[in-house]
C-alpha atoms as a PDB file:
ATOM      1  CA  UNK A   1     -10.657  29.258  -2.741  1.00  0.00           C
ATOM      2  CA  UNK A   2     -13.757  27.920  -4.472  1.00  0.00           C
ATOM      3  CA  UNK A   3     -16.648  30.212  -5.212  1.00  0.00           C
ATOM      4  CA  UNK A   4     -19.321  29.780  -2.564  1.00  0.00           C
ATOM      5  CA  UNK A   5     -23.045  30.314  -2.266  1.00  0.00           C
ATOM      6  CA  UNK A   6     -25.235  30.603   0.813  1.00  0.00           C
ATOM      7  CA  UNK A   7     -27.534  27.726   1.756  1.00  0.00           C
ATOM      8  CA  UNK A   8     -30.198  28.265   4.415  1.00  0.00           C
ATOM      9  CA  UNK A   9     -32.559  25.763   5.983  1.00  0.00           C
ATOM     10  CA  UNK A  10     -34.910  25.708   8.930  1.00  0.00           C
ATOM     11  CA  UNK A  11     -34.175  22.732  11.213  1.00  0.00           C
ATOM     12  CA  UNK A  12     -35.585  21.605  14.575  1.00  0.00           C
ATOM     13  CA  UNK A  13     -33.936  23.178  17.640  1.00  0.00           C
ATOM     14  CA  UNK A  14     -32.741  19.830  19.032  1.00  0.00           C
ATOM     15  CA  UNK A  15     -30.991  19.045  15.732  1.00  0.00           C
ATOM     16  CA  UNK A  16     -29.487  22.544  15.678  1.00  0.00           C
ATOM     17  CA  UNK A  17     -28.106  22.022  19.184  1.00  0.00           C
ATOM     18  CA  UNK A  18     -26.656  18.666  18.205  1.00  0.00           C
ATOM     19  CA  UNK A  19     -25.001  20.175  15.113  1.00  0.00           C
ATOM     20  CA  UNK A  20     -23.647  23.089  17.153  1.00  0.00           C
ATOM     21  CA  UNK A  21     -22.139  20.812  19.802  1.00  0.00           C
ATOM     22  CA  UNK A  22     -20.400  18.601  17.240  1.00  0.00           C
ATOM     23  CA  UNK A  23     -19.232  21.591  15.198  1.00  0.00           C
ATOM     24  CA  UNK A  24     -17.703  23.179  18.307  1.00  0.00           C
ATOM     25  CA  UNK A  25     -16.082  19.913  19.348  1.00  0.00           C
ATOM     26  CA  UNK A  26     -14.409  19.702  15.944  1.00  0.00           C
ATOM     27  CA  UNK A  27     -13.411  23.358  16.051  1.00  0.00           C
ATOM     28  CA  UNK A  28     -15.071  24.113  12.728  1.00  0.00           C
ATOM     29  CA  UNK A  29     -17.159  26.983  11.505  1.00  0.00           C
ATOM     30  CA  UNK A  30     -20.782  26.252  10.717  1.00  0.00           C
ATOM     31  CA  UNK A  31     -20.002  26.558   7.006  1.00  0.00           C
ATOM     32  CA  UNK A  32     -17.118  24.067   7.236  1.00  0.00           C
ATOM     33  CA  UNK A  33     -19.134  21.615   9.283  1.00  0.00           C
ATOM     34  CA  UNK A  34     -22.236  21.693   7.073  1.00  0.00           C
ATOM     35  CA  UNK A  35     -20.146  21.532   3.879  1.00  0.00           C
ATOM     36  CA  UNK A  36     -18.319  18.455   5.240  1.00  0.00           C
ATOM     37  CA  UNK A  37     -21.598  16.790   6.210  1.00  0.00           C
ATOM     38  CA  UNK A  38     -23.071  17.355   2.779  1.00  0.00           C
ATOM     39  CA  UNK A  39     -19.887  16.196   1.040  1.00  0.00           C
ATOM     40  CA  UNK A  40     -19.782  13.059   3.206  1.00  0.00           C
ATOM     41  CA  UNK A  41     -23.412  12.377   2.351  1.00  0.00           C
ATOM     42  CA  UNK A  42     -22.807  12.654  -1.396  1.00  0.00           C
ATOM     43  CA  UNK A  43     -19.657  10.518  -1.136  1.00  0.00           C
ATOM     44  CA  UNK A  44     -21.654   7.861   0.679  1.00  0.00           C
ATOM     45  CA  UNK A  45     -24.389   7.962  -1.952  1.00  0.00           C
ATOM     46  CA  UNK A  46     -21.828   7.757  -4.762  1.00  0.00           C
ATOM     47  CA  UNK A  47     -20.168   4.755  -3.128  1.00  0.00           C
ATOM     48  CA  UNK A  48     -23.480   2.975  -2.721  1.00  0.00           C
ATOM     49  CA  UNK A  49     -24.451   3.555  -6.346  1.00  0.00           C
ATOM     50  CA  UNK A  50     -20.969   3.082  -7.755  1.00  0.00           C
ATOM     51  CA  UNK A  51     -20.044  -0.242  -6.281  1.00  0.00           C
ATOM     52  CA  UNK A  52     -19.278  -0.571  -2.609  1.00  0.00           C
ATOM     53  CA  UNK A  53     -22.471  -0.994  -0.654  1.00  0.00           C
ATOM     54  CA  UNK A  54     -22.123  -1.313   3.079  1.00  0.00           C
ATOM     55  CA  UNK A  55     -25.261  -3.379   3.480  1.00  0.00           C
ATOM     56  CA  UNK A  56     -24.494  -5.935   0.777  1.00  0.00           C
ATOM     57  CA  UNK A  57     -20.730  -6.321   0.435  1.00  0.00           C
ATOM     58  CA  UNK A  58     -19.201  -4.660   3.464  1.00  0.00           C
ATOM     59  CA  UNK A  59     -18.467  -5.874   6.949  1.00  0.00           C
ATOM     60  CA  UNK A  60     -18.408  -3.660  10.013  1.00  0.00           C
ATOM     61  CA  UNK A  61     -15.292  -3.466  12.121  1.00  0.00           C
ATOM     62  CA  UNK A  62     -15.723  -1.530  15.343  1.00  0.00           C
ATOM     63  CA  UNK A  63     -13.296  -0.919  18.169  1.00  0.00           C
ATOM     64  CA  UNK A  64     -12.577   1.657  20.812  1.00  0.00           C
ATOM     65  CA  UNK A  65      -9.417   3.724  20.963  1.00  0.00           C
ATOM     66  CA  UNK A  66      -8.030   6.063  23.640  1.00  0.00           C
ATOM     67  CA  UNK A  67      -9.323   9.640  23.499  1.00  0.00           C
ATOM     68  CA  UNK A  68      -5.807  11.005  22.940  1.00  0.00           C
ATOM     69  CA  UNK A  69      -5.339   8.829  19.851  1.00  0.00           C
ATOM     70  CA  UNK A  70      -8.774   9.800  18.578  1.00  0.00           C
ATOM     71  CA  UNK A  71      -7.897  13.493  18.868  1.00  0.00           C
ATOM     72  CA  UNK A  72      -4.563  12.934  17.086  1.00  0.00           C
ATOM     73  CA  UNK A  73      -6.418  11.236  14.239  1.00  0.00           C
ATOM     74  CA  UNK A  74      -8.923  14.084  14.023  1.00  0.00           C
ATOM     75  CA  UNK A  75      -6.088  16.660  13.884  1.00  0.00           C
ATOM     76  CA  UNK A  76      -4.377  14.627  11.163  1.00  0.00           C
ATOM     77  CA  UNK A  77      -7.573  14.414   9.129  1.00  0.00           C
ATOM     78  CA  UNK A  78      -8.064  18.173   9.409  1.00  0.00           C
ATOM     79  CA  UNK A  79      -4.436  18.868   8.353  1.00  0.00           C
ATOM     80  CA  UNK A  80      -4.731  16.497   5.382  1.00  0.00           C
ATOM     81  CA  UNK A  81      -8.031  18.058   4.363  1.00  0.00           C
ATOM     82  CA  UNK A  82      -6.440  21.505   4.426  1.00  0.00           C
ATOM     83  CA  UNK A  83      -3.288  20.295   2.657  1.00  0.00           C
ATOM     84  CA  UNK A  84      -5.039  18.431  -0.146  1.00  0.00           C
ATOM     85  CA  UNK A  85      -8.241  20.442  -0.388  1.00  0.00           C
ATOM     86  CA  UNK A  86     -10.178  17.162  -0.247  1.00  0.00           C
ATOM     87  CA  UNK A  87     -11.897  15.875   2.879  1.00  0.00           C
ATOM     88  CA  UNK A  88     -10.180  12.823   4.316  1.00  0.00           C
ATOM     89  CA  UNK A  89     -12.683  10.801   6.333  1.00  0.00           C
ATOM     90  CA  UNK A  90     -11.935   8.539   9.282  1.00  0.00           C
ATOM     91  CA  UNK A  91     -13.159   5.599   7.242  1.00  0.00           C
ATOM     92  CA  UNK A  92     -10.879   6.347   4.294  1.00  0.00           C
ATOM     93  CA  UNK A  93      -7.937   6.968   6.623  1.00  0.00           C
ATOM     94  CA  UNK A  94      -8.346   3.672   8.478  1.00  0.00           C
ATOM     95  CA  UNK A  95      -9.048   1.672   5.302  1.00  0.00           C
ATOM     96  CA  UNK A  96      -5.907   3.139   3.699  1.00  0.00           C
ATOM     97  CA  UNK A  97      -3.804   2.198   6.738  1.00  0.00           C
ATOM     98  CA  UNK A  98      -5.180  -1.344   6.843  1.00  0.00           C
ATOM     99  CA  UNK A  99      -4.716  -1.810   3.096  1.00  0.00           C
ATOM    100  CA  UNK A 100      -1.152  -0.475   3.247  1.00  0.00           C
ATOM    101  CA  UNK A 101      -0.230  -2.775   6.147  1.00  0.00           C
ATOM    102  CA  UNK A 102      -1.757  -5.808   4.436  1.00  0.00           C
ATOM    103  CA  UNK A 103      -0.044  -5.002   1.128  1.00  0.00           C
ATOM    104  CA  UNK A 104       3.320  -4.757   2.909  1.00  0.00           C
ATOM    105  CA  UNK A 105       2.680  -8.020   4.718  1.00  0.00           C
ATOM    106  CA  UNK A 106       1.655  -9.754   1.482  1.00  0.00           C
ATOM    107  CA  UNK A 107       4.800  -8.472  -0.243  1.00  0.00           C
ATOM    108  CA  UNK A 108       6.996  -9.777   2.588  1.00  0.00           C
ATOM    109  CA  UNK A 109       5.202 -13.120   2.534  1.00  0.00           C
ATOM    110  CA  UNK A 110       5.609 -13.402  -1.249  1.00  0.00           C
ATOM    111  CA  UNK A 111       9.302 -12.517  -0.978  1.00  0.00           C
ATOM    112  CA  UNK A 112       9.804 -15.193   1.676  1.00  0.00           C
ATOM    113  CA  UNK A 113       8.022 -17.812  -0.435  1.00  0.00           C
ATOM    114  CA  UNK A 114       9.996 -16.897  -3.562  1.00  0.00           C
ATOM    115  CA  UNK A 115      13.362 -16.775  -1.817  1.00  0.00           C
ATOM    116  CA  UNK A 116      15.639 -19.640  -2.855  1.00  0.00           C
ATOM    117  CA  UNK A 117      15.874 -22.193  -0.130  1.00  0.00           C
ATOM    118  CA  UNK A 118      19.338 -23.261   0.898  1.00  0.00           C
ATOM    119  CA  UNK A 119      20.204 -26.944   0.594  1.00  0.00           C
ATOM    120  CA  UNK A 120      20.633 -28.312   4.086  1.00  0.00           C
ATOM    121  CA  UNK A 121      24.272 -29.020   4.832  1.00  0.00           C
ATOM    122  CA  UNK A 122      24.942 -32.548   6.034  1.00  0.00           C
ATOM    123  CA  UNK A 123      26.984 -32.794   9.197  1.00  0.00           C
ATOM    124  CA  UNK A 124      30.647 -33.179   8.424  1.00  0.00           C
ATOM    125  CA  UNK A 125      32.046 -36.617   9.141  1.00  0.00           C
ATOM    126  CA  UNK A 126      35.752 -37.175   9.699  1.00  0.00           C
ATOM    127  CA  UNK A 127      37.538 -39.103   6.947  1.00  0.00           C
ATOM    128  CA  UNK A 128      38.634 -41.813   9.415  1.00  0.00           C
ATOM    129  CA  UNK A 129      36.938 -42.526  12.642  1.00  0.00           C
ATOM    130  CA  UNK A 130      38.630 -44.472  15.352  1.00  0.00           C
ATOM    131  CA  UNK A 131      36.743 -45.711  18.362  1.00  0.00           C
ATOM    132  CA  UNK A 132      38.050 -44.108  21.513  1.00  0.00           C
ATOM    133  CA  UNK A 133      38.837 -47.326  23.399  1.00  0.00           C
ATOM    134  CA  UNK A 134      41.016 -48.918  20.705  1.00  0.00           C
ATOM    135  CA  UNK A 135      44.678 -48.667  19.974  1.00  0.00           C
ATOM    136  CA  UNK A 136      45.961 -46.421  17.251  1.00  0.00           C
ATOM    137  CA  UNK A 137      45.423 -47.895  13.780  1.00  0.00           C
ATOM    138  CA  UNK A 138      49.109 -48.220  13.033  1.00  0.00           C
ATOM    139  CA  UNK A 139      50.763 -49.447  16.202  1.00  0.00           C
ATOM    140  CA  UNK A 140      54.210 -49.532  14.608  1.00  0.00           C
ATOM    141  CA  UNK A 141      54.298 -45.771  14.351  1.00  0.00           C
ATOM    142  CA  UNK A 142      52.972 -45.156  17.855  1.00  0.00           C
ATOM    143  CA  UNK A 143      55.272 -43.243  20.191  1.00  0.00           C
END
């Protein structure tokens, strides 16, 4: 575990209540919750300075999902954060899923376009065709 140091700050009561409610909803300690908030903030600042800027180059995609799915995602993010030691955000998780799905789709599309196309087979025509309402071509051999 990383070496830690205490950080104290006086905040308004309404903000404290809001933080406490969200922290409890996520099932985190105050230290975990505040550390995640600060880390998210610095990640956001780094992204804005380092290239991706939401206001200039990004587009917002918003949609609602069922509560059960939301909770499953939150549990997954928490497990991945514990497993890797690095906070996995909802944004990163969803962007990774979308990118992976699009990459797979692009690969399938490229494979389909590069696949050799088969030469269409012409319908087979009999060597000799005889109209139905005529006699056999060689009447001498007819039985």
